[in-house]
Amino acid sequence: MTDITIPGGKIRSFVERIENLDTELLELNEQKKEVFSEAKAEGFDVKILKEIIKLRKQDQDERDERETLLDLYMRAMDTAQPEGAAKAA
């Protein structure tokens, strides 16, 4: 049998660090929920706040491209005939 030394202390250290980070993430997520609840209580739309956060994570080029495509698609829908009208013609 091969004599392999497994560094148990090192493994335990990694596991405990990951567990601590998981605990911190749970606490941070709870704090995030509290901030959203506070904003909602003051009359702000949480969906819009989340959208703003999402947009701020994107760089300006990504935002511009997204807005351009959204505008293009909306205009295409506005100029298209409804499905029923196209079939009747």
N, C-alpha and C. Protein backbone atom coordinates (compact mmCIF):
# COMPACT_ATOMS: atom_id res chain seq x y z
N MET A 1 0.84 -1.19 0.00
CA MET A 1 0.00 0.00 0.00
C MET A 1 0.88 1.24 0.00
N THR A 2 0.51 2.24 -0.78
CA THR A 2 1.28 3.46 -0.87
C THR A 2 1.04 4.32 0.35
N ASP A 3 2.09 4.89 0.86
CA ASP A 3 1.99 5.73 2.05
C ASP A 3 1.76 7.17 1.61
N ILE A 4 0.51 7.62 1.65
CA ILE A 4 0.14 8.97 1.24
C ILE A 4 -0.22 9.77 2.47
N THR A 5 0.38 10.94 2.58
CA THR A 5 0.06 11.81 3.70
C THR A 5 -0.93 12.86 3.22
N ILE A 6 -2.07 12.89 3.86
CA ILE A 6 -3.10 13.88 3.54
C ILE A 6 -3.04 14.96 4.61
N PRO A 7 -2.85 16.21 4.20
CA PRO A 7 -2.75 17.30 5.18
C PRO A 7 -4.11 17.65 5.76
N GLY A 8 -4.54 16.90 6.75
CA GLY A 8 -5.87 17.10 7.34
C GLY A 8 -6.08 18.49 7.89
N GLY A 9 -5.03 19.06 8.49
CA GLY A 9 -5.15 20.42 9.03
C GLY A 9 -5.41 21.44 7.95
N LYS A 10 -4.76 21.25 6.82
CA LYS A 10 -4.94 22.18 5.69
C LYS A 10 -6.36 22.05 5.12
N ILE A 11 -6.82 20.81 4.99
CA ILE A 11 -8.19 20.57 4.50
C ILE A 11 -9.20 21.21 5.44
N ARG A 12 -8.99 21.00 6.76
CA ARG A 12 -9.90 21.58 7.75
C ARG A 12 -9.92 23.10 7.64
N SER A 13 -8.75 23.69 7.41
CA SER A 13 -8.65 25.14 7.28
C SER A 13 -9.47 25.64 6.09
N PHE A 14 -9.33 24.98 4.94
CA PHE A 14 -10.11 25.38 3.76
C PHE A 14 -11.61 25.23 4.01
N VAL A 15 -12.00 24.11 4.58
CA VAL A 15 -13.42 23.86 4.84
C VAL A 15 -13.99 24.90 5.78
N GLU A 16 -13.26 25.20 6.85
CA GLU A 16 -13.75 26.18 7.83
C GLU A 16 -13.82 27.58 7.22
N ARG A 17 -12.85 27.93 6.38
CA ARG A 17 -12.89 29.24 5.72
C ARG A 17 -14.10 29.34 4.80
N ILE A 18 -14.37 28.29 4.06
CA ILE A 18 -15.53 28.28 3.16
C ILE A 18 -16.83 28.36 3.97
N GLU A 19 -16.90 27.62 5.07
CA GLU A 19 -18.10 27.68 5.91
C GLU A 19 -18.30 29.08 6.48
N ASN A 20 -17.21 29.73 6.88
CA ASN A 20 -17.31 31.10 7.40
C ASN A 20 -17.79 32.06 6.31
N LEU A 21 -17.29 31.88 5.10
CA LEU A 21 -17.75 32.73 4.00
C LEU A 21 -19.23 32.50 3.70
N ASP A 22 -19.67 31.24 3.76
CA ASP A 22 -21.09 30.95 3.56
C ASP A 22 -21.94 31.66 4.60
N THR A 23 -21.49 31.66 5.84
CA THR A 23 -22.21 32.34 6.92
C THR A 23 -22.26 33.84 6.66
N GLU A 24 -21.12 34.40 6.24
CA GLU A 24 -21.07 35.83 5.94
C GLU A 24 -22.00 36.18 4.78
N LEU A 25 -22.04 35.31 3.76
CA LEU A 25 -22.94 35.55 2.62
C LEU A 25 -24.39 35.56 3.06
N LEU A 26 -24.76 34.62 3.93
CA LEU A 26 -26.14 34.59 4.44
C LEU A 26 -26.46 35.88 5.18
N GLU A 27 -25.53 36.34 5.99
CA GLU A 27 -25.75 37.58 6.74
C GLU A 27 -25.86 38.78 5.80
N LEU A 28 -24.99 38.83 4.79
CA LEU A 28 -25.05 39.93 3.83
C LEU A 28 -26.34 39.92 3.03
N ASN A 29 -26.80 38.73 2.64
CA ASN A 29 -28.07 38.63 1.91
C ASN A 29 -29.23 39.09 2.78
N GLU A 30 -29.16 38.78 4.06
CA GLU A 30 -30.22 39.23 4.98
C GLU A 30 -30.20 40.75 5.09
N GLN A 31 -29.02 41.33 5.16
CA GLN A 31 -28.90 42.79 5.21
C GLN A 31 -29.42 43.43 3.93
N LYS A 32 -29.15 42.78 2.81
CA LYS A 32 -29.63 43.28 1.51
C LYS A 32 -31.16 43.28 1.49
N LYS A 33 -31.76 42.20 1.99
CA LYS A 33 -33.23 42.14 2.06
C LYS A 33 -33.78 43.28 2.92
N GLU A 34 -33.10 43.55 4.02
CA GLU A 34 -33.54 44.61 4.92
C GLU A 34 -33.49 45.98 4.23
N VAL A 35 -32.44 46.21 3.44
CA VAL A 35 -32.33 47.48 2.71
C VAL A 35 -33.45 47.61 1.69
N PHE A 36 -33.74 46.52 0.97
CA PHE A 36 -34.84 46.55 0.01
C PHE A 36 -36.17 46.78 0.72
N SER A 37 -36.36 46.16 1.87
CA SER A 37 -37.59 46.37 2.64
C SER A 37 -37.72 47.82 3.10
N GLU A 38 -36.61 48.39 3.51
CA GLU A 38 -36.60 49.79 3.94
C GLU A 38 -36.95 50.71 2.76
N ALA A 39 -36.36 50.43 1.61
CA ALA A 39 -36.66 51.23 0.42
C ALA A 39 -38.13 51.11 0.05
N LYS A 40 -38.66 49.88 0.12
CA LYS A 40 -40.07 49.67 -0.21
C LYS A 40 -40.97 50.42 0.77
N ALA A 41 -40.61 50.40 2.05
CA ALA A 41 -41.40 51.09 3.07
C ALA A 41 -41.41 52.60 2.82
N GLU A 42 -40.37 53.11 2.18
CA GLU A 42 -40.32 54.54 1.88
C GLU A 42 -40.94 54.87 0.53
N GLY A 43 -41.55 53.84 -0.11
CA GLY A 43 -42.31 54.09 -1.32
C GLY A 43 -41.57 53.84 -2.63
N PHE A 44 -40.36 53.28 -2.56
CA PHE A 44 -39.61 53.01 -3.78
C PHE A 44 -39.98 51.64 -4.34
N ASP A 45 -39.94 51.53 -5.65
CA ASP A 45 -40.26 50.28 -6.34
C ASP A 45 -39.00 49.40 -6.35
N VAL A 46 -39.05 48.28 -5.65
CA VAL A 46 -37.90 47.40 -5.49
C VAL A 46 -37.46 46.81 -6.83
N LYS A 47 -38.41 46.49 -7.70
CA LYS A 47 -38.06 45.95 -9.02
C LYS A 47 -37.21 46.95 -9.80
N ILE A 48 -37.57 48.20 -9.72
CA ILE A 48 -36.83 49.24 -10.43
C ILE A 48 -35.44 49.41 -9.81
N LEU A 49 -35.35 49.36 -8.50
CA LEU A 49 -34.04 49.45 -7.84
C LEU A 49 -33.13 48.30 -8.28
N LYS A 50 -33.70 47.10 -8.36
CA LYS A 50 -32.92 45.94 -8.79
C LYS A 50 -32.47 46.10 -10.24
N GLU A 51 -33.33 46.67 -11.07
CA GLU A 51 -32.98 46.91 -12.48
C GLU A 51 -31.84 47.93 -12.57
N ILE A 52 -31.90 48.97 -11.75
CA ILE A 52 -30.83 49.96 -11.72
C ILE A 52 -29.51 49.31 -11.33
N ILE A 53 -29.54 48.47 -10.32
CA ILE A 53 -28.33 47.78 -9.86
C ILE A 53 -27.78 46.90 -10.98
N LYS A 54 -28.66 46.20 -11.67
CA LYS A 54 -28.25 45.35 -12.79
C LYS A 54 -27.60 46.17 -13.89
N LEU A 55 -28.21 47.32 -14.22
CA LEU A 55 -27.67 48.19 -15.27
C LEU A 55 -26.32 48.78 -14.87
N ARG A 56 -26.17 49.13 -13.60
CA ARG A 56 -24.91 49.73 -13.15
C ARG A 56 -23.75 48.73 -13.19
N LYS A 57 -24.07 47.45 -13.16
CA LYS A 57 -23.02 46.42 -13.25
C LYS A 57 -22.50 46.30 -14.68
N GLN A 58 -23.29 46.73 -15.65
CA GLN A 58 -22.89 46.65 -17.05
C GLN A 58 -22.05 47.88 -17.41
N ASP A 59 -21.16 47.71 -18.38
CA ASP A 59 -20.45 48.89 -18.83
C ASP A 59 -21.35 49.67 -19.79
N GLN A 60 -20.94 50.89 -20.13
CA GLN A 60 -21.78 51.78 -20.93
C GLN A 60 -22.11 51.18 -22.29
N ASP A 61 -21.15 50.50 -22.92
CA ASP A 61 -21.40 49.90 -24.24
C ASP A 61 -22.48 48.83 -24.16
N GLU A 62 -22.43 48.01 -23.12
CA GLU A 62 -23.46 46.96 -22.95
C GLU A 62 -24.84 47.59 -22.75
N ARG A 63 -24.88 48.64 -21.93
CA ARG A 63 -26.17 49.31 -21.69
C ARG A 63 -26.70 49.93 -22.97
N ASP A 64 -25.82 50.58 -23.73
CA ASP A 64 -26.25 51.21 -24.97
C ASP A 64 -26.78 50.18 -25.96
N GLU A 65 -26.07 49.06 -26.08
CA GLU A 65 -26.50 48.00 -27.00
C GLU A 65 -27.85 47.44 -26.57
N ARG A 66 -28.02 47.21 -25.28
CA ARG A 66 -29.29 46.68 -24.76
C ARG A 66 -30.43 47.65 -25.05
N GLU A 67 -30.21 48.92 -24.78
CA GLU A 67 -31.25 49.92 -25.01
C GLU A 67 -31.59 50.04 -26.50
N THR A 68 -30.57 49.96 -27.35
CA THR A 68 -30.79 50.03 -28.79
C THR A 68 -31.63 48.86 -29.27
N LEU A 69 -31.29 47.65 -28.81
CA LEU A 69 -32.06 46.47 -29.20
C LEU A 69 -33.48 46.52 -28.67
N LEU A 70 -33.63 46.97 -27.45
CA LEU A 70 -34.96 47.09 -26.86
C LEU A 70 -35.81 48.06 -27.67
N ASP A 71 -35.23 49.20 -28.01
CA ASP A 71 -35.95 50.19 -28.82
C ASP A 71 -36.30 49.63 -30.20
N LEU A 72 -35.34 48.95 -30.82
CA LEU A 72 -35.57 48.34 -32.13
C LEU A 72 -36.71 47.34 -32.09
N TYR A 73 -36.70 46.47 -31.11
CA TYR A 73 -37.75 45.45 -30.98
C TYR A 73 -39.11 46.08 -30.70
N MET A 74 -39.14 47.10 -29.84
CA MET A 74 -40.41 47.76 -29.54
C MET A 74 -40.98 48.44 -30.78
N ARG A 75 -40.13 49.11 -31.55
CA ARG A 75 -40.61 49.76 -32.78
C ARG A 75 -41.07 48.73 -33.80
N ALA A 76 -40.38 47.61 -33.89
CA ALA A 76 -40.79 46.55 -34.82
C ALA A 76 -42.17 46.01 -34.44
N MET A 77 -42.41 45.84 -33.16
CA MET A 77 -43.73 45.37 -32.72
C MET A 77 -44.80 46.39 -33.02
N ASP A 78 -44.49 47.67 -32.80
CA ASP A 78 -45.47 48.73 -33.04
C ASP A 78 -45.85 48.84 -34.51
N THR A 79 -44.90 48.58 -35.42
CA THR A 79 -45.20 48.72 -36.85
C THR A 79 -45.75 47.45 -37.47
N ALA A 80 -45.65 46.34 -36.77
CA ALA A 80 -46.16 45.07 -37.31
C ALA A 80 -47.68 45.02 -37.21
N GLN A 81 -48.30 44.38 -38.18
CA GLN A 81 -49.75 44.19 -38.12
C GLN A 81 -50.04 43.10 -37.10
N PRO A 82 -51.18 43.22 -36.43
CA PRO A 82 -51.57 42.15 -35.51
C PRO A 82 -51.74 40.84 -36.30
N GLU A 83 -51.54 39.72 -35.64
CA GLU A 83 -51.60 38.40 -36.28
C GLU A 83 -52.95 38.18 -36.98
N GLY A 84 -54.02 38.55 -36.34
CA GLY A 84 -55.35 38.34 -36.93
C GLY A 84 -55.55 39.18 -38.19
N ALA A 85 -55.04 40.40 -38.22
CA ALA A 85 -55.19 41.27 -39.37
C ALA A 85 -54.38 40.77 -40.55
N ALA A 86 -53.22 40.21 -40.29
CA ALA A 86 -52.36 39.70 -41.36
C ALA A 86 -53.02 38.48 -42.02
N LYS A 87 -53.68 37.64 -41.26
CA LYS A 87 -54.33 36.45 -41.81
C LYS A 87 -55.58 36.80 -42.61
N ALA A 88 -56.29 37.85 -42.19
CA ALA A 88 -57.51 38.24 -42.87
C ALA A 88 -57.23 38.88 -44.24
N ALA A 89 -56.07 39.45 -44.37
CA ALA A 89 -55.73 40.18 -45.61
C ALA A 89 -55.39 39.28 -46.76
